[in-house]
Amino acid sequence: MEKDFNVNKTDKRFIVTVIFLILGGLGVVSTQEAGRPLRVTDQQPMESYSLLPIITRQLPPANSLITPCSLERVLTQRYIEQYTRPSGIAYLNTLVARANIYMPFIREEVTKRQLPPELIYLPVIESSFVITARSRSGAVGLWQFMMNSITPYDMRVTDYIDERRDFIKSTRGALQKLQDNYRVLGCWNLSLAAYNAGLGRVRRSIQSTGINDYWILSEKSELPQETIHYMPKLIAVSYVLSQPRRFGINVWQEKFEWEAIPLRRQVSIDVVADEAGIPRDLMRRLNSQLLHGITPADRNFSLIVPATHIEQVTAVLEREDLRLIRYRYHTIRQGDTLWSLSRYYGITVSMIETHNPGINSRFLRIGQTIIIPILNEGRTLNMPILEVRD
């Protein structure tokens, strides 16, 4: 009988354990579905928190930046709360709509390079996915490149183009820069800190303290204030945007197909868009590196167009009878110089020289006609225009 009693006691313990595990699992699921923002205090140990949804539902990739350590940070929790407020959700939905044509390419590049998946959300922190964004310090584009940092990453800036606003080149350049940082620092948190503050600044902090942990350096205020907030912002926005249905975020567009068409002549993207039946705004966003909406005079340029309009654009480009750039014809008057004309028409001297081979400010003749490319058809000029031709 004693033996039978022990067997029954063991069975009961087993049953109780199974029931406990089932109820515990249901409790986690209900917490996930309730969608409550996570909050932490310094007094709570990590073990007392509900398991985080991104971990309980699906383990993050091995190189994910979202970890229990990064999520429990007070600043991270503050930003999660900020992004999950109604105003934060509205902001993120506006951002998703703006980013949809760029995100598929960025995701593809991040995946191809086997980088932390949260890097696809870095332009949220850098530029709010405004491709023409310019900071007070002069950083430009989705990834906020400074002029002094573009040379190693195959980007150039001329009178016609600023390739910091090229979503293809700038994405590849930014990811390469992050990889370069990682090779030096050996840690993605520090690599991202270096992207924000500069590699030299982060290395000096490590050397002066002997600490090579981003979170500890932040706690000790050994990094710039903006950099201390940089990773918590990225972790928070990644946490929210990676769970769109849970937080009421519009789902990212999975795919946007485009093609790069090499050009044989200069074109105005507005003219091409109108003739091919493409919304002007879409063409401008796909080719935002064009500072004035006109392609460079050299033939080493490819126009980005929606894949759905390849045939129409090709047909437009092949029409010899169609002028794909619009000009003003200016008759030289007394006192005109190339510099004064460039200021008046809102273009550069080199643009005037490109469209008027052999022209020289010292030898302008009164009555001479020169070509001025129209960069902004809606611009109102103060002086009467002698002639405008398409």
Protein backbone atom coordinates (compact mmCIF):
# COMPACT_ATOMS: atom_id res chain seq x y z
CA MET A 1 0.00 0.00 0.00
CA GLU A 2 2.84 2.35 0.83
CA LYS A 3 4.26 1.78 -2.64
CA ASP A 4 0.90 2.47 -4.27
CA PHE A 5 0.51 5.65 -2.21
CA ASN A 6 3.92 6.97 -3.39
CA VAL A 7 2.99 6.34 -6.99
CA ASN A 8 -0.25 8.28 -6.61
CA LYS A 9 1.56 11.15 -4.90
CA THR A 10 4.04 11.35 -7.75
CA ASP A 11 1.24 11.36 -10.30
CA LYS A 12 -0.51 14.17 -8.45
CA ARG A 13 2.65 16.27 -8.41
CA PHE A 14 3.09 15.72 -12.14
CA ILE A 15 -0.51 16.76 -12.86
CA VAL A 16 -0.20 19.90 -10.69
CA THR A 17 3.04 20.86 -12.45
CA VAL A 18 1.45 20.47 -15.90
CA ILE A 19 -1.59 22.55 -14.90
CA PHE A 20 0.67 25.26 -13.49
CA LEU A 21 2.68 25.46 -16.70
CA ILE A 22 -0.44 25.65 -18.84
CA LEU A 23 -1.97 28.41 -16.73
CA GLY A 24 1.32 30.29 -16.69
CA GLY A 25 1.51 30.12 -20.47
CA LEU A 26 -2.03 31.42 -20.83
CA GLY A 27 -1.17 34.27 -18.52
CA VAL A 28 1.69 35.32 -20.76
CA VAL A 29 -0.48 35.15 -23.86
CA SER A 30 -3.18 37.28 -22.29
CA THR A 31 -0.59 39.89 -21.31
CA GLN A 32 0.73 39.94 -24.86
CA GLU A 33 -2.67 40.35 -26.42
CA ALA A 34 -3.62 43.13 -24.02
CA GLY A 35 -0.89 45.20 -25.63
CA ARG A 36 0.14 47.04 -22.47
CA PRO A 37 3.35 49.08 -22.80
CA LEU A 38 6.13 47.64 -20.68
CA ARG A 39 7.20 49.70 -17.69
CA VAL A 40 10.09 49.13 -15.34
CA THR A 41 11.38 50.67 -12.14
CA ASP A 42 14.81 50.47 -10.67
CA GLN A 43 13.44 48.41 -7.75
CA GLN A 44 12.06 45.57 -9.87
CA PRO A 45 14.40 42.70 -10.70
CA MET A 46 14.29 41.48 -14.29
CA GLU A 47 12.81 38.14 -13.21
CA SER A 48 9.61 39.83 -12.01
CA TYR A 49 8.64 41.23 -15.44
CA SER A 50 6.19 39.51 -17.74
CA LEU A 51 8.01 37.81 -20.57
CA LEU A 52 8.35 40.22 -23.48
CA PRO A 53 6.08 39.48 -26.47
CA ILE A 54 8.85 39.52 -29.01
CA ILE A 55 10.64 36.83 -27.00
CA THR A 56 7.71 34.64 -25.99
CA ARG A 57 6.16 34.54 -29.43
CA GLN A 58 9.28 34.23 -31.50
CA LEU A 59 12.92 34.25 -30.54
CA PRO A 60 14.78 37.20 -32.12
CA PRO A 61 17.60 36.51 -34.56
CA ALA A 62 20.96 35.67 -33.00
CA ASN A 63 22.37 39.11 -33.84
CA SER A 64 19.24 41.03 -32.84
CA LEU A 65 19.69 44.25 -30.89
CA ILE A 66 16.45 43.59 -29.00
CA THR A 67 17.46 41.71 -25.86
CA PRO A 68 16.05 41.59 -22.31
CA CYS A 69 18.99 43.77 -21.24
CA SER A 70 18.28 46.45 -23.85
CA LEU A 71 14.51 46.39 -23.26
CA GLU A 72 14.70 46.74 -19.48
CA ARG A 73 16.56 50.06 -19.69
CA VAL A 74 14.63 52.98 -18.26
CA LEU A 75 15.23 55.16 -21.34
CA THR A 76 14.11 52.34 -23.64
CA GLN A 77 10.90 51.94 -21.67
CA ARG A 78 10.31 55.69 -21.78
CA TYR A 79 10.60 55.68 -25.58
CA ILE A 80 8.37 52.60 -25.93
CA GLU A 81 5.73 54.42 -23.94
CA GLN A 82 6.19 57.52 -26.08
CA TYR A 83 5.91 55.64 -29.39
CA THR A 84 2.83 53.67 -28.26
CA ARG A 85 0.78 56.73 -27.28
CA PRO A 86 -1.92 57.69 -29.83
CA SER A 87 0.24 60.58 -31.04
CA GLY A 88 3.24 58.26 -31.36
CA ILE A 89 1.26 55.68 -33.34
CA ALA A 90 -0.04 58.42 -35.65
CA TYR A 91 3.53 59.64 -36.22
CA LEU A 92 4.77 56.13 -36.98
CA ASN A 93 1.91 55.49 -39.42
CA THR A 94 2.79 58.68 -41.29
CA LEU A 95 6.37 57.52 -41.36
CA VAL A 96 5.44 54.06 -42.68
CA ALA A 97 3.58 55.63 -45.61
CA ARG A 98 6.61 57.79 -46.38
CA ALA A 99 9.07 54.89 -46.12
CA ASN A 100 7.19 52.24 -48.08
CA ILE A 101 9.04 52.76 -51.37
CA TYR A 102 12.45 52.57 -49.65
CA MET A 103 11.94 49.91 -46.98
CA PRO A 104 11.90 46.81 -49.24
CA PHE A 105 15.34 47.73 -50.62
CA ILE A 106 16.76 48.53 -47.17
CA ARG A 107 15.45 45.25 -45.76
CA GLU A 108 16.94 43.34 -48.68
CA GLU A 109 20.37 44.93 -48.15
CA VAL A 110 20.34 44.31 -44.39
CA THR A 111 19.34 40.67 -44.89
CA LYS A 112 21.91 40.12 -47.64
CA ARG A 113 24.70 41.40 -45.38
CA GLN A 114 23.41 39.37 -42.38
CA LEU A 115 23.25 42.47 -40.20
CA PRO A 116 21.05 43.02 -37.13
CA PRO A 117 17.47 43.27 -38.48
CA GLU A 118 16.75 46.41 -36.41
CA LEU A 119 19.05 48.41 -38.70
CA ILE A 120 16.16 48.70 -41.17
CA TYR A 121 14.58 51.13 -38.70
CA LEU A 122 17.65 53.35 -38.25
CA PRO A 123 16.37 56.00 -40.73
CA VAL A 124 13.44 56.53 -38.34
CA ILE A 125 15.91 57.87 -35.79
CA GLU A 126 18.15 59.60 -38.30
CA SER A 127 15.71 61.37 -40.63
CA SER A 128 12.13 60.20 -39.99
CA PHE A 129 12.47 58.68 -43.47
CA VAL A 130 12.48 62.15 -45.05
CA ILE A 131 14.93 61.59 -47.89
CA THR A 132 15.64 65.31 -48.36
CA ALA A 133 16.20 65.89 -44.62
CA ARG A 134 19.05 68.21 -43.69
CA SER A 135 20.24 68.62 -40.11
CA ARG A 136 21.51 71.83 -38.55
CA SER A 137 25.03 70.45 -38.82
CA GLY A 138 24.62 69.77 -42.56
CA ALA A 139 23.96 66.02 -42.52
CA VAL A 140 21.69 65.01 -45.42
CA GLY A 141 19.40 62.18 -46.51
CA LEU A 142 17.76 59.10 -45.01
CA TRP A 143 21.02 58.11 -43.31
CA GLN A 144 22.27 61.65 -42.54
CA PHE A 145 25.71 61.65 -44.15
CA MET A 146 28.02 64.59 -43.64
CA MET A 147 30.00 65.88 -46.62
CA ASN A 148 33.31 64.84 -45.05
CA SER A 149 32.25 61.18 -44.72
CA ILE A 150 30.95 60.26 -48.19
CA THR A 151 34.15 59.66 -50.17
CA PRO A 152 34.73 56.03 -49.09
CA TYR A 153 31.13 55.12 -49.90
CA ASP A 154 30.82 55.98 -53.60
CA MET A 155 28.78 59.15 -53.17
CA ARG A 156 29.32 62.52 -54.77
CA VAL A 157 27.84 66.00 -54.61
CA THR A 158 27.77 68.30 -57.67
CA ASP A 159 25.69 71.18 -58.99
CA TYR A 160 23.12 68.67 -60.19
CA ILE A 161 23.12 65.84 -57.67
CA ASP A 162 23.60 65.09 -54.00
CA GLU A 163 23.95 61.33 -53.70
CA ARG A 164 23.46 61.49 -49.95
CA ARG A 165 19.82 61.71 -51.05
CA ASP A 166 20.14 58.66 -53.31
CA PHE A 167 18.31 55.91 -51.39
CA ILE A 168 20.33 53.17 -53.10
CA LYS A 169 23.84 54.56 -52.66
CA SER A 170 23.22 56.05 -49.23
CA THR A 171 21.73 52.79 -47.88
CA ARG A 172 24.70 50.77 -49.11
CA GLY A 173 27.09 53.40 -47.79
CA ALA A 174 25.46 53.55 -44.35
CA LEU A 175 25.44 49.78 -43.92
CA GLN A 176 29.05 49.59 -45.05
CA LYS A 177 29.97 52.30 -42.58
CA LEU A 178 28.26 50.38 -39.78
CA GLN A 179 30.13 47.24 -40.79
CA ASP A 180 33.41 49.18 -40.79
CA ASN A 181 32.62 50.41 -37.27
CA TYR A 182 31.88 46.86 -36.16
CA ARG A 183 35.22 45.60 -37.48
CA VAL A 184 36.94 48.18 -35.29
CA LEU A 185 34.77 47.96 -32.15
CA GLY A 186 33.49 44.38 -32.25
CA CYS A 187 30.05 45.32 -30.87
CA TRP A 188 26.91 46.48 -32.66
CA ASN A 189 25.80 48.80 -29.85
CA LEU A 190 29.13 50.59 -29.95
CA SER A 191 29.12 50.55 -33.76
CA LEU A 192 25.80 52.39 -33.77
CA ALA A 193 27.05 54.79 -31.11
CA ALA A 194 30.01 55.51 -33.41
CA TYR A 195 27.63 56.09 -36.32
CA ASN A 196 26.01 58.81 -34.22
CA ALA A 197 28.94 60.36 -32.37
CA GLY A 198 31.84 59.42 -34.62
CA LEU A 199 34.24 56.51 -34.40
CA GLY A 200 37.01 58.62 -32.89
CA ARG A 201 34.75 59.92 -30.12
CA VAL A 202 33.64 56.44 -29.07
CA ARG A 203 37.16 55.02 -29.18
CA ARG A 204 38.40 57.84 -26.93
CA SER A 205 35.66 57.04 -24.39
CA ILE A 206 36.66 53.37 -24.40
CA GLN A 207 40.36 54.15 -24.07
CA SER A 208 39.94 56.67 -21.27
CA THR A 209 37.65 54.45 -19.15
CA GLY A 210 38.69 50.93 -20.11
CA ILE A 211 34.98 50.17 -20.60
CA ASN A 212 33.78 48.70 -23.89
CA ASP A 213 30.08 48.32 -23.02
CA TYR A 214 27.69 50.88 -24.51
CA TRP A 215 25.20 50.69 -21.65
CA ILE A 216 27.82 51.16 -18.94
CA LEU A 217 29.42 54.03 -20.83
CA SER A 218 25.97 55.61 -21.07
CA GLU A 219 25.27 55.14 -17.36
CA LYS A 220 28.55 56.86 -16.55
CA SER A 221 27.79 59.70 -19.02
CA GLU A 222 30.97 58.93 -20.96
CA LEU A 223 29.14 59.42 -24.27
CA PRO A 224 27.42 62.52 -25.70
CA GLN A 225 23.85 63.01 -24.50
CA GLU A 226 22.40 62.38 -27.96
CA THR A 227 24.33 59.11 -28.20
CA ILE A 228 23.10 58.02 -24.76
CA HIS A 229 19.53 58.28 -26.11
CA TYR A 230 20.41 56.85 -29.53
CA MET A 231 20.24 53.12 -28.80
CA PRO A 232 17.18 53.31 -26.50
CA LYS A 233 15.32 55.15 -29.28
CA LEU A 234 16.33 52.58 -31.87
CA ILE A 235 15.44 49.62 -29.62
CA ALA A 236 12.07 51.17 -28.77
CA VAL A 237 11.08 52.03 -32.32
CA SER A 238 12.23 48.61 -33.53
CA TYR A 239 10.22 46.90 -30.81
CA VAL A 240 7.05 48.75 -31.82
CA LEU A 241 7.44 48.64 -35.61
CA SER A 242 8.36 44.95 -35.61
CA GLN A 243 4.93 44.23 -34.10
CA PRO A 244 2.64 46.36 -36.29
CA ARG A 245 -0.60 44.49 -35.68
CA ARG A 246 -0.16 44.50 -31.95
CA PHE A 247 0.38 48.25 -31.75
CA GLY A 248 -1.94 49.37 -34.56
CA ILE A 249 0.81 50.25 -37.03
CA ASN A 250 0.08 50.01 -40.74
CA VAL A 251 1.79 46.98 -42.23
CA TRP A 252 4.95 47.73 -44.21
CA GLN A 253 4.77 47.29 -47.95
CA GLU A 254 6.56 44.03 -48.64
CA LYS A 255 7.77 44.89 -52.10
CA PHE A 256 8.23 47.89 -54.36
CA GLU A 257 9.76 47.11 -57.71
CA TRP A 258 11.78 49.68 -59.63
CA GLU A 259 14.25 49.69 -62.47
CA ALA A 260 17.30 51.81 -63.23
CA ILE A 261 17.34 53.07 -66.83
CA PRO A 262 20.67 54.42 -68.18
CA LEU A 263 20.20 57.79 -69.90
CA ARG A 264 21.73 59.01 -73.13
CA ARG A 265 20.65 62.63 -72.73
CA GLN A 266 19.65 65.11 -70.06
CA VAL A 267 16.04 64.99 -68.94
CA SER A 268 13.69 66.75 -66.55
CA ILE A 269 12.07 64.12 -64.35
CA ASP A 270 8.85 66.15 -64.31
CA VAL A 271 8.67 66.02 -68.10
CA VAL A 272 9.36 62.26 -68.13
CA ALA A 273 6.80 61.70 -65.38
CA ASP A 274 4.10 63.68 -67.21
CA GLU A 275 4.74 61.98 -70.53
CA ALA A 276 4.87 58.47 -69.01
CA GLY A 277 1.86 58.91 -66.73
CA ILE A 278 3.81 58.64 -63.45
CA PRO A 279 2.94 60.89 -60.48
CA ARG A 280 5.56 63.62 -60.25
CA ASP A 281 5.92 63.17 -56.50
CA LEU A 282 6.77 59.48 -56.91
CA MET A 283 9.43 60.23 -59.54
CA ARG A 284 10.95 62.92 -57.35
CA ARG A 285 11.09 60.61 -54.32
CA LEU A 286 12.74 57.86 -56.35
CA ASN A 287 15.29 60.33 -57.75
CA SER A 288 15.73 62.69 -54.82
CA GLN A 289 19.44 63.00 -55.47
CA LEU A 290 18.55 65.36 -58.34
CA LEU A 291 18.81 68.77 -56.72
CA HIS A 292 16.88 70.59 -59.43
CA GLY A 293 14.87 67.78 -61.01
CA ILE A 294 17.25 67.67 -64.00
CA THR A 295 19.68 64.83 -64.63
CA PRO A 296 23.42 65.60 -64.98
CA ALA A 297 24.84 66.43 -68.38
CA ASP A 298 27.16 63.41 -68.32
CA ARG A 299 25.88 60.08 -69.55
CA ASN A 300 26.88 58.17 -66.44
CA PHE A 301 23.46 58.46 -64.81
CA SER A 302 20.53 56.08 -64.47
CA LEU A 303 16.95 57.16 -63.82
CA ILE A 304 14.98 55.17 -61.23
CA VAL A 305 11.43 54.45 -62.41
CA PRO A 306 8.59 52.22 -61.13
CA ALA A 307 8.78 48.77 -62.75
CA THR A 308 5.13 49.15 -63.74
CA HIS A 309 6.06 51.99 -66.13
CA ILE A 310 9.21 50.66 -67.79
CA GLU A 311 7.67 50.46 -71.25
CA GLN A 312 6.14 53.93 -71.06
CA VAL A 313 9.37 55.56 -69.85
CA THR A 314 11.45 53.74 -72.46
CA ALA A 315 9.09 54.94 -75.19
CA VAL A 316 9.33 58.53 -73.94
CA LEU A 317 13.14 58.43 -73.84
CA GLU A 318 13.33 57.06 -77.38
CA ARG A 319 11.26 59.87 -78.90
CA GLU A 320 13.66 62.13 -80.76
CA ASP A 321 10.95 64.72 -81.39
CA LEU A 322 10.26 65.22 -77.68
CA ARG A 323 12.33 67.75 -75.75
CA LEU A 324 12.83 66.24 -72.31
CA ILE A 325 14.23 69.31 -70.67
CA ARG A 326 12.71 72.79 -70.80
CA TYR A 327 14.71 75.96 -71.34
CA ARG A 328 14.39 79.70 -71.24
CA TYR A 329 16.11 81.70 -73.93
CA HIS A 330 17.72 84.77 -72.45
CA THR A 331 18.93 87.70 -74.53
CA ILE A 332 22.05 89.30 -73.06
CA ARG A 333 21.62 92.88 -71.88
CA GLN A 334 24.09 95.47 -70.73
CA GLY A 335 25.54 94.55 -67.32
CA ASP A 336 24.70 90.82 -67.57
CA THR A 337 27.30 88.38 -66.26
CA LEU A 338 27.10 84.65 -65.87
CA TRP A 339 27.15 85.13 -62.10
CA SER A 340 24.27 87.63 -62.13
CA LEU A 341 22.25 85.38 -64.47
CA SER A 342 22.86 82.38 -62.24
CA ARG A 343 21.59 84.31 -59.23
CA TYR A 344 18.61 85.61 -61.14
CA TYR A 345 17.49 82.24 -62.54
CA GLY A 346 18.39 80.21 -59.45
CA ILE A 347 20.97 77.99 -61.13
CA THR A 348 24.75 77.69 -61.00
CA VAL A 349 27.29 79.26 -63.36
CA SER A 350 28.49 75.80 -64.36
CA MET A 351 24.95 74.86 -65.47
CA ILE A 352 24.85 77.86 -67.79
CA GLU A 353 28.28 76.90 -69.11
CA THR A 354 27.19 73.28 -69.65
CA HIS A 355 24.22 74.31 -71.78
CA ASN A 356 26.15 76.98 -73.65
CA PRO A 357 29.50 75.44 -74.70
CA GLY A 358 32.27 78.00 -75.14
CA ILE A 359 30.46 80.80 -73.29
CA ASN A 360 32.64 83.21 -71.33
CA SER A 361 31.54 86.00 -69.00
CA ARG A 362 34.23 88.33 -70.37
CA PHE A 363 32.98 88.01 -73.93
CA LEU A 364 29.18 88.18 -73.57
CA ARG A 365 27.66 90.27 -76.36
CA ILE A 366 24.58 92.45 -75.99
CA GLY A 367 21.82 90.80 -78.01
CA GLN A 368 23.40 87.34 -77.75
CA THR A 369 20.90 84.55 -76.91
CA ILE A 370 21.84 81.89 -74.37
CA ILE A 371 20.01 78.85 -73.02
CA ILE A 372 18.87 78.73 -69.39
CA PRO A 373 17.55 75.37 -68.11
CA ILE A 374 14.25 75.69 -66.24
CA LEU A 375 14.69 74.14 -62.82
CA ASN A 376 11.46 75.34 -61.25
CA GLU A 377 8.55 76.04 -63.55
CA GLY A 378 6.55 77.59 -60.75
CA ARG A 379 9.16 80.19 -59.82
CA THR A 380 8.09 83.79 -60.31
CA LEU A 381 10.83 86.02 -61.69
CA ASN A 382 11.12 89.71 -61.00
CA MET A 383 12.22 90.64 -64.53
CA PRO A 384 10.13 90.09 -67.68
CA ILE A 385 11.01 86.94 -69.61
CA LEU A 386 11.77 87.61 -73.24
CA GLU A 387 10.90 84.16 -74.46
CA VAL A 388 10.06 80.73 -73.07
CA ARG A 389 10.02 77.72 -75.36
CA ASP A 390 9.35 74.03 -74.72
